[in-house]
């Protein structure tokens, strides 16, 4: 036991004596600490939760259904694309266009072009007039 004398005050520097005097937190024995209150639990789960594992038969069935669904989906897209290509060829023949690719891309962009309308702005009107003046001055 170490004693420290400061003026007329004597302090002992042992934890046991210190806690027995009532200065610090009261200490419990290990058995008493474990029996009081719930145990500490981590605030998040670090391990994966237990899941019901699928059997190899179930896994094979799921894989087969996914593969069949993917094949149907891709077939539907190829059918739709071939239909669009046929229509673009008909339009190109009807209007005497040589390039079917530009007709195809124009057809694909038609919904976007129809949905986005640009309003006139003062800046664009000014630029239009300036370009017109310069072009008229050149000729």
N, C-alpha and C. Protein backbone atom coordinates (compact mmCIF):
# COMPACT_ATOMS: atom_id res chain seq x y z
N UNK A 1 0.84 -1.16 0.00
CA UNK A 1 0.00 0.00 0.00
C UNK A 1 0.90 1.23 0.00
N UNK A 2 0.58 2.17 -0.92
CA UNK A 2 1.37 3.38 -1.04
C UNK A 2 0.56 4.51 -0.43
N UNK A 3 1.22 5.26 0.45
CA UNK A 3 0.52 6.39 1.07
C UNK A 3 1.10 7.68 0.52
N UNK A 4 0.24 8.61 0.26
CA UNK A 4 0.63 9.90 -0.26
C UNK A 4 0.18 10.94 0.75
N UNK A 5 1.10 11.74 1.21
CA UNK A 5 0.78 12.74 2.21
C UNK A 5 0.87 14.11 1.56
N UNK A 6 -0.25 14.81 1.55
CA UNK A 6 -0.31 16.18 1.03
C UNK A 6 -0.85 17.04 2.15
N UNK A 7 0.00 17.81 2.74
CA UNK A 7 -0.43 18.63 3.88
C UNK A 7 -0.85 17.71 5.01
N UNK A 8 -2.06 17.85 5.46
CA UNK A 8 -2.57 17.01 6.55
C UNK A 8 -3.44 15.88 6.03
N UNK A 9 -3.61 15.76 4.67
CA UNK A 9 -4.48 14.76 4.07
C UNK A 9 -3.66 13.57 3.63
N UNK A 10 -4.06 12.38 4.04
CA UNK A 10 -3.40 11.16 3.62
C UNK A 10 -4.31 10.41 2.64
N UNK A 11 -3.75 10.05 1.47
CA UNK A 11 -4.50 9.28 0.48
C UNK A 11 -3.79 7.98 0.22
N UNK A 12 -4.54 6.91 0.12
CA UNK A 12 -3.95 5.63 -0.23
C UNK A 12 -4.24 5.36 -1.70
N UNK A 13 -3.31 4.76 -2.40
CA UNK A 13 -3.43 4.55 -3.83
C UNK A 13 -3.71 3.11 -4.20
N UNK A 14 -4.57 2.45 -3.48
CA UNK A 14 -4.96 1.11 -3.85
C UNK A 14 -6.42 1.11 -4.24
N UNK A 15 -6.72 0.41 -5.33
CA UNK A 15 -8.09 0.40 -5.86
C UNK A 15 -9.06 -0.20 -4.87
N UNK A 16 -8.62 -1.25 -4.19
CA UNK A 16 -9.52 -1.93 -3.27
C UNK A 16 -9.92 -0.99 -2.14
N UNK A 17 -8.95 -0.33 -1.56
CA UNK A 17 -9.21 0.58 -0.47
C UNK A 17 -9.99 1.78 -0.98
N UNK A 18 -9.66 2.24 -2.18
CA UNK A 18 -10.31 3.39 -2.78
C UNK A 18 -11.81 3.13 -2.98
N UNK A 19 -12.15 1.95 -3.51
CA UNK A 19 -13.56 1.65 -3.74
C UNK A 19 -14.28 1.34 -2.45
N UNK A 20 -13.57 0.83 -1.49
CA UNK A 20 -14.22 0.53 -0.21
C UNK A 20 -14.58 1.81 0.54
N UNK A 21 -13.84 2.88 0.29
CA UNK A 21 -14.13 4.14 0.95
C UNK A 21 -15.34 4.83 0.33
N UNK A 22 -15.78 4.37 -0.87
CA UNK A 22 -16.96 4.93 -1.50
C UNK A 22 -16.63 6.05 -2.47
N UNK A 23 -15.32 6.18 -2.83
CA UNK A 23 -14.96 7.23 -3.77
C UNK A 23 -15.30 6.89 -5.22
N UNK A 24 -15.11 5.67 -5.64
CA UNK A 24 -15.30 5.29 -7.03
C UNK A 24 -16.52 4.43 -7.22
N UNK A 25 -16.66 3.84 -8.38
CA UNK A 25 -17.81 2.95 -8.62
C UNK A 25 -17.67 1.69 -7.79
N UNK A 26 -18.79 1.22 -7.30
CA UNK A 26 -18.77 0.00 -6.50
C UNK A 26 -18.49 -1.18 -7.40
N UNK A 27 -17.61 -2.02 -7.00
CA UNK A 27 -17.20 -3.16 -7.81
C UNK A 27 -17.94 -4.41 -7.34
N UNK A 28 -18.35 -5.21 -8.32
CA UNK A 28 -18.99 -6.48 -8.03
C UNK A 28 -18.03 -7.59 -8.39
N UNK A 29 -18.26 -8.73 -7.79
CA UNK A 29 -17.45 -9.88 -8.15
C UNK A 29 -17.85 -10.33 -9.56
N UNK A 30 -17.05 -11.17 -10.16
CA UNK A 30 -17.30 -11.61 -11.53
C UNK A 30 -18.63 -12.35 -11.64
N UNK A 31 -18.95 -13.19 -10.65
CA UNK A 31 -20.22 -13.92 -10.67
C UNK A 31 -21.40 -12.96 -10.56
N UNK A 32 -21.27 -11.95 -9.73
CA UNK A 32 -22.37 -11.00 -9.55
C UNK A 32 -22.56 -10.17 -10.82
N UNK A 33 -21.45 -9.80 -11.48
CA UNK A 33 -21.56 -9.01 -12.70
C UNK A 33 -22.24 -9.79 -13.81
N UNK A 34 -21.96 -11.07 -13.93
CA UNK A 34 -22.54 -11.88 -14.99
C UNK A 34 -24.01 -12.17 -14.74
N UNK A 35 -24.44 -12.17 -13.50
CA UNK A 35 -25.83 -12.51 -13.22
C UNK A 35 -26.73 -11.28 -13.28
N UNK A 36 -26.17 -10.07 -13.27
CA UNK A 36 -26.97 -8.85 -13.26
C UNK A 36 -27.19 -8.37 -14.69
N UNK A 37 -28.44 -8.20 -15.10
CA UNK A 37 -28.78 -7.61 -16.39
C UNK A 37 -28.46 -8.49 -17.58
N UNK A 38 -28.88 -8.03 -18.75
CA UNK A 38 -28.64 -8.81 -19.97
C UNK A 38 -27.18 -8.71 -20.40
N UNK A 39 -26.77 -9.66 -21.17
CA UNK A 39 -25.42 -9.67 -21.69
C UNK A 39 -25.29 -8.63 -22.78
N UNK A 40 -24.10 -8.16 -23.04
CA UNK A 40 -23.88 -7.18 -24.10
C UNK A 40 -24.09 -7.84 -25.45
N UNK A 41 -24.74 -7.11 -26.34
CA UNK A 41 -25.01 -7.61 -27.67
C UNK A 41 -24.45 -6.58 -28.66
N UNK A 42 -23.84 -7.05 -29.72
CA UNK A 42 -23.31 -6.15 -30.72
C UNK A 42 -24.45 -5.36 -31.35
N UNK A 43 -24.20 -4.12 -31.72
CA UNK A 43 -25.25 -3.27 -32.27
C UNK A 43 -25.58 -3.65 -33.70
N UNK A 44 -24.71 -4.38 -34.34
CA UNK A 44 -25.03 -4.90 -35.67
C UNK A 44 -24.57 -6.34 -35.75
N UNK A 45 -25.14 -7.04 -36.70
CA UNK A 45 -24.83 -8.45 -36.82
C UNK A 45 -23.67 -8.62 -37.78
N UNK A 46 -22.62 -9.20 -37.35
CA UNK A 46 -21.44 -9.37 -38.19
C UNK A 46 -21.48 -10.67 -38.97
N UNK A 47 -22.28 -11.59 -38.53
CA UNK A 47 -22.34 -12.88 -39.22
C UNK A 47 -23.63 -12.97 -40.02
N UNK A 48 -23.61 -13.79 -41.03
CA UNK A 48 -24.78 -13.97 -41.87
C UNK A 48 -25.82 -14.79 -41.12
N UNK A 49 -27.06 -14.41 -41.30
CA UNK A 49 -28.14 -15.14 -40.63
C UNK A 49 -28.28 -16.53 -41.24
N UNK A 50 -28.71 -17.45 -40.43
CA UNK A 50 -28.90 -18.82 -40.90
C UNK A 50 -30.08 -18.86 -41.87
N UNK A 51 -29.88 -19.47 -43.02
CA UNK A 51 -30.93 -19.59 -44.02
C UNK A 51 -31.21 -21.05 -44.30
N UNK A 52 -32.40 -21.29 -44.80
CA UNK A 52 -32.72 -22.65 -45.21
C UNK A 52 -32.05 -22.88 -46.55
N UNK A 53 -31.14 -23.81 -46.60
CA UNK A 53 -30.38 -24.06 -47.82
C UNK A 53 -31.24 -24.82 -48.82
N UNK A 54 -31.09 -24.45 -50.08
CA UNK A 54 -31.83 -25.13 -51.13
C UNK A 54 -31.10 -26.41 -51.53
N UNK A 55 -31.87 -27.40 -51.90
CA UNK A 55 -31.28 -28.65 -52.35
C UNK A 55 -30.77 -28.47 -53.78
N UNK A 56 -29.87 -29.32 -54.23
CA UNK A 56 -29.41 -29.21 -55.62
C UNK A 56 -30.54 -29.31 -56.65
N UNK A 57 -31.58 -30.07 -56.35
CA UNK A 57 -32.71 -30.18 -57.26
C UNK A 57 -33.45 -28.84 -57.36
N UNK A 58 -33.65 -28.19 -56.22
CA UNK A 58 -34.32 -26.88 -56.22
C UNK A 58 -33.49 -25.84 -56.98
N UNK A 59 -32.17 -25.86 -56.76
CA UNK A 59 -31.28 -24.93 -57.45
C UNK A 59 -31.33 -25.15 -58.96
N UNK A 60 -31.34 -26.41 -59.38
CA UNK A 60 -31.40 -26.72 -60.81
C UNK A 60 -32.73 -26.27 -61.41
N UNK A 61 -33.81 -26.44 -60.65
CA UNK A 61 -35.14 -26.01 -61.12
C UNK A 61 -35.19 -24.49 -61.29
N UNK A 62 -34.65 -23.76 -60.33
CA UNK A 62 -34.63 -22.29 -60.40
C UNK A 62 -33.78 -21.84 -61.60
N UNK A 63 -32.63 -22.47 -61.79
CA UNK A 63 -31.76 -22.11 -62.92
C UNK A 63 -32.45 -22.38 -64.25
N UNK A 64 -33.17 -23.50 -64.33
CA UNK A 64 -33.87 -23.84 -65.58
C UNK A 64 -34.99 -22.83 -65.88
N UNK A 65 -35.75 -22.45 -64.86
CA UNK A 65 -36.83 -21.48 -65.08
C UNK A 65 -36.26 -20.11 -65.49
N UNK A 66 -35.14 -19.71 -64.88
CA UNK A 66 -34.50 -18.44 -65.26
C UNK A 66 -34.02 -18.49 -66.71
N UNK A 67 -33.42 -19.61 -67.09
CA UNK A 67 -32.91 -19.75 -68.45
C UNK A 67 -34.05 -19.71 -69.46
N UNK A 68 -35.17 -20.38 -69.15
CA UNK A 68 -36.32 -20.39 -70.06
C UNK A 68 -36.93 -18.99 -70.18
N UNK A 69 -37.02 -18.28 -69.05
CA UNK A 69 -37.56 -16.92 -69.07
C UNK A 69 -36.67 -16.00 -69.89
N UNK A 70 -35.36 -16.14 -69.74
CA UNK A 70 -34.43 -15.31 -70.49
C UNK A 70 -34.54 -15.58 -71.99
N UNK A 71 -34.69 -16.84 -72.36
CA UNK A 71 -34.82 -17.19 -73.78
C UNK A 71 -36.11 -16.59 -74.36
N UNK A 72 -37.23 -16.69 -73.63
CA UNK A 72 -38.49 -16.11 -74.09
C UNK A 72 -38.38 -14.59 -74.24
N UNK A 73 -37.74 -13.96 -73.28
CA UNK A 73 -37.56 -12.51 -73.29
C UNK A 73 -36.74 -12.08 -74.50
N UNK A 74 -35.63 -12.76 -74.74
CA UNK A 74 -34.77 -12.42 -75.89
C UNK A 74 -35.48 -12.67 -77.21
N UNK A 75 -36.26 -13.76 -77.30
CA UNK A 75 -37.02 -14.04 -78.52
C UNK A 75 -38.05 -12.94 -78.79
N UNK A 76 -38.70 -12.47 -77.74
CA UNK A 76 -39.68 -11.40 -77.92
C UNK A 76 -39.00 -10.14 -78.46
N UNK A 77 -37.81 -9.83 -77.95
CA UNK A 77 -37.09 -8.65 -78.44
C UNK A 77 -36.63 -8.82 -79.89
N UNK A 78 -36.15 -9.99 -80.23
CA UNK A 78 -35.71 -10.19 -81.63
C UNK A 78 -36.91 -10.12 -82.58
N UNK A 79 -38.06 -10.66 -82.17
CA UNK A 79 -39.27 -10.56 -83.00
C UNK A 79 -39.68 -9.11 -83.20
N UNK A 80 -39.65 -8.34 -82.11
CA UNK A 80 -40.03 -6.93 -82.20
C UNK A 80 -39.07 -6.16 -83.10
N UNK A 81 -37.79 -6.45 -82.96
CA UNK A 81 -36.80 -5.75 -83.78
C UNK A 81 -36.96 -6.12 -85.25
N UNK A 82 -37.21 -7.39 -85.55
CA UNK A 82 -37.39 -7.78 -86.95
C UNK A 82 -38.63 -7.13 -87.54
N UNK A 83 -39.69 -6.98 -86.74
CA UNK A 83 -40.90 -6.31 -87.22
C UNK A 83 -40.61 -4.84 -87.55
N UNK A 84 -39.84 -4.18 -86.70
CA UNK A 84 -39.49 -2.78 -86.93
C UNK A 84 -38.64 -2.65 -88.20
N UNK A 85 -37.69 -3.58 -88.37
CA UNK A 85 -36.84 -3.54 -89.56
C UNK A 85 -37.68 -3.72 -90.83
N UNK A 86 -38.65 -4.63 -90.78
CA UNK A 86 -39.55 -4.82 -91.93
C UNK A 86 -40.32 -3.54 -92.25
N UNK A 87 -40.83 -2.88 -91.23
CA UNK A 87 -41.56 -1.64 -91.45
C UNK A 87 -40.67 -0.54 -92.02
N UNK A 88 -39.43 -0.46 -91.54
CA UNK A 88 -38.52 0.58 -92.07
C UNK A 88 -38.19 0.29 -93.54
N UNK A 89 -38.06 -0.97 -93.90
CA UNK A 89 -37.81 -1.31 -95.31
C UNK A 89 -39.01 -0.91 -96.19
N UNK A 90 -40.23 -1.15 -95.68
CA UNK A 90 -41.42 -0.76 -96.43
C UNK A 90 -41.49 0.76 -96.61
N UNK A 91 -41.17 1.51 -95.54
CA UNK A 91 -41.19 2.98 -95.62
C UNK A 91 -40.14 3.46 -96.61
N UNK A 92 -38.94 2.85 -96.57
CA UNK A 92 -37.87 3.26 -97.49
C UNK A 92 -38.26 3.00 -98.93
N UNK A 93 -38.88 1.85 -99.19
CA UNK A 93 -39.32 1.53 -100.56
C UNK A 93 -40.44 2.45 -101.01
N UNK A 94 -41.35 2.77 -100.09
CA UNK A 94 -42.50 3.60 -100.44
C UNK A 94 -42.07 5.01 -100.84
N UNK A 95 -41.10 5.56 -100.11
CA UNK A 95 -40.68 6.94 -100.37
C UNK A 95 -39.39 7.03 -101.17
N UNK A 96 -38.91 5.90 -101.68
CA UNK A 96 -37.74 5.90 -102.54
C UNK A 96 -36.44 6.25 -101.85
N UNK A 97 -36.31 5.90 -100.57
CA UNK A 97 -35.08 6.17 -99.82
C UNK A 97 -34.12 5.01 -100.01
N UNK A 98 -32.84 5.32 -100.21
CA UNK A 98 -31.85 4.26 -100.42
C UNK A 98 -31.35 3.69 -99.10
N UNK A 99 -31.25 4.54 -98.08
CA UNK A 99 -30.66 4.11 -96.81
C UNK A 99 -31.76 3.73 -95.82
N UNK A 100 -31.81 2.44 -95.43
CA UNK A 100 -32.81 2.01 -94.45
C UNK A 100 -32.35 2.28 -93.03
N UNK A 101 -31.02 2.40 -92.82
CA UNK A 101 -30.51 2.64 -91.47
C UNK A 101 -30.99 3.99 -90.92
N UNK A 102 -30.92 5.03 -91.75
CA UNK A 102 -31.36 6.35 -91.28
C UNK A 102 -32.85 6.35 -90.99
N UNK A 103 -33.61 5.61 -91.80
CA UNK A 103 -35.05 5.50 -91.55
C UNK A 103 -35.31 4.76 -90.25
N UNK A 104 -34.51 3.72 -90.00
CA UNK A 104 -34.64 2.95 -88.76
C UNK A 104 -34.38 3.85 -87.55
N UNK A 105 -33.28 4.61 -87.59
CA UNK A 105 -32.93 5.46 -86.44
C UNK A 105 -33.95 6.58 -86.28
N UNK A 106 -34.46 7.11 -87.37
CA UNK A 106 -35.48 8.15 -87.28
C UNK A 106 -36.75 7.59 -86.65
N UNK A 107 -37.11 6.37 -87.03
CA UNK A 107 -38.28 5.72 -86.45
C UNK A 107 -38.09 5.48 -84.95
N UNK A 108 -36.88 5.07 -84.58
CA UNK A 108 -36.62 4.80 -83.16
C UNK A 108 -36.61 6.09 -82.34
N UNK A 109 -36.21 7.21 -82.93
CA UNK A 109 -36.15 8.47 -82.20
C UNK A 109 -37.46 9.25 -82.23
N UNK A 110 -38.44 8.75 -82.96
CA UNK A 110 -39.68 9.50 -83.18
C UNK A 110 -40.39 9.84 -81.87
N UNK A 111 -40.45 8.91 -80.93
CA UNK A 111 -41.17 9.18 -79.68
C UNK A 111 -40.43 10.24 -78.86
N UNK A 112 -39.12 10.20 -78.87
CA UNK A 112 -38.36 11.19 -78.11
C UNK A 112 -38.50 12.57 -78.73
N UNK A 113 -38.45 12.62 -80.04
CA UNK A 113 -38.56 13.90 -80.74
C UNK A 113 -39.95 14.50 -80.50
N UNK A 114 -40.97 13.66 -80.52
CA UNK A 114 -42.34 14.15 -80.33
C UNK A 114 -42.55 14.62 -78.89
N UNK A 115 -41.87 14.01 -77.92
CA UNK A 115 -42.12 14.34 -76.52
C UNK A 115 -41.35 15.56 -76.05
N UNK A 116 -40.21 15.88 -76.67
CA UNK A 116 -39.42 17.01 -76.21
C UNK A 116 -39.61 18.18 -77.17
N UNK A 117 -40.22 19.23 -76.67
CA UNK A 117 -40.44 20.44 -77.46
C UNK A 117 -39.59 21.54 -76.85
N UNK A 118 -38.89 22.26 -77.69
CA UNK A 118 -38.06 23.36 -77.21
C UNK A 118 -38.80 24.67 -77.44
N UNK A 119 -38.83 25.49 -76.42
CA UNK A 119 -39.46 26.79 -76.57
C UNK A 119 -38.44 27.80 -77.09
N UNK A 120 -38.94 28.85 -77.69
CA UNK A 120 -38.06 29.88 -78.22
C UNK A 120 -37.51 30.70 -77.07
N UNK A 121 -36.25 31.03 -77.16
CA UNK A 121 -35.66 31.91 -76.16
C UNK A 121 -35.13 33.15 -76.86
N UNK A 122 -34.93 34.19 -76.11
CA UNK A 122 -34.42 35.44 -76.70
C UNK A 122 -33.03 35.23 -77.28
N UNK A 123 -32.23 34.44 -76.59
CA UNK A 123 -30.86 34.19 -77.05
C UNK A 123 -30.86 33.47 -78.39
N UNK A 124 -31.70 32.43 -78.52
CA UNK A 124 -31.75 31.70 -79.78
C UNK A 124 -32.29 32.57 -80.91
N UNK A 125 -33.25 33.43 -80.60
CA UNK A 125 -33.78 34.34 -81.62
C UNK A 125 -32.69 35.32 -82.07
N UNK A 126 -31.91 35.82 -81.10
CA UNK A 126 -30.80 36.72 -81.43
C UNK A 126 -29.77 36.03 -82.32
N UNK A 127 -29.40 34.80 -81.95
CA UNK A 127 -28.42 34.05 -82.73
C UNK A 127 -28.93 33.80 -84.15
N UNK A 128 -30.20 33.49 -84.27
CA UNK A 128 -30.79 33.22 -85.58
C UNK A 128 -30.69 34.46 -86.47
N UNK A 129 -31.01 35.60 -85.90
CA UNK A 129 -30.93 36.85 -86.66
C UNK A 129 -29.50 37.18 -87.06
N UNK A 130 -28.56 36.96 -86.15
CA UNK A 130 -27.15 37.24 -86.43
C UNK A 130 -26.62 36.34 -87.55
N UNK A 131 -26.98 35.07 -87.49
CA UNK A 131 -26.53 34.13 -88.52
C UNK A 131 -27.14 34.52 -89.86
N UNK A 132 -28.40 34.91 -89.82
CA UNK A 132 -29.07 35.34 -91.05
C UNK A 132 -28.37 36.55 -91.67
N UNK A 133 -28.01 37.54 -90.83
CA UNK A 133 -27.31 38.74 -91.32
C UNK A 133 -25.97 38.38 -91.95
N UNK A 134 -25.22 37.51 -91.26
CA UNK A 134 -23.88 37.13 -91.76
C UNK A 134 -24.00 36.34 -93.06
N UNK A 135 -24.99 35.43 -93.13
CA UNK A 135 -25.17 34.66 -94.34
C UNK A 135 -25.61 35.53 -95.51
N UNK A 136 -26.49 36.51 -95.25
CA UNK A 136 -26.92 37.42 -96.31
C UNK A 136 -25.76 38.31 -96.78
N UNK A 137 -24.89 38.66 -95.86
CA UNK A 137 -23.76 39.51 -96.19
C UNK A 137 -22.73 38.76 -97.03
N UNK A 138 -22.65 37.45 -96.91
CA UNK A 138 -21.68 36.64 -97.65
C UNK A 138 -22.08 36.48 -99.11
N UNK A 139 -23.38 36.40 -99.34
CA UNK A 139 -23.81 36.14 -100.72
C UNK A 139 -24.01 37.39 -101.53
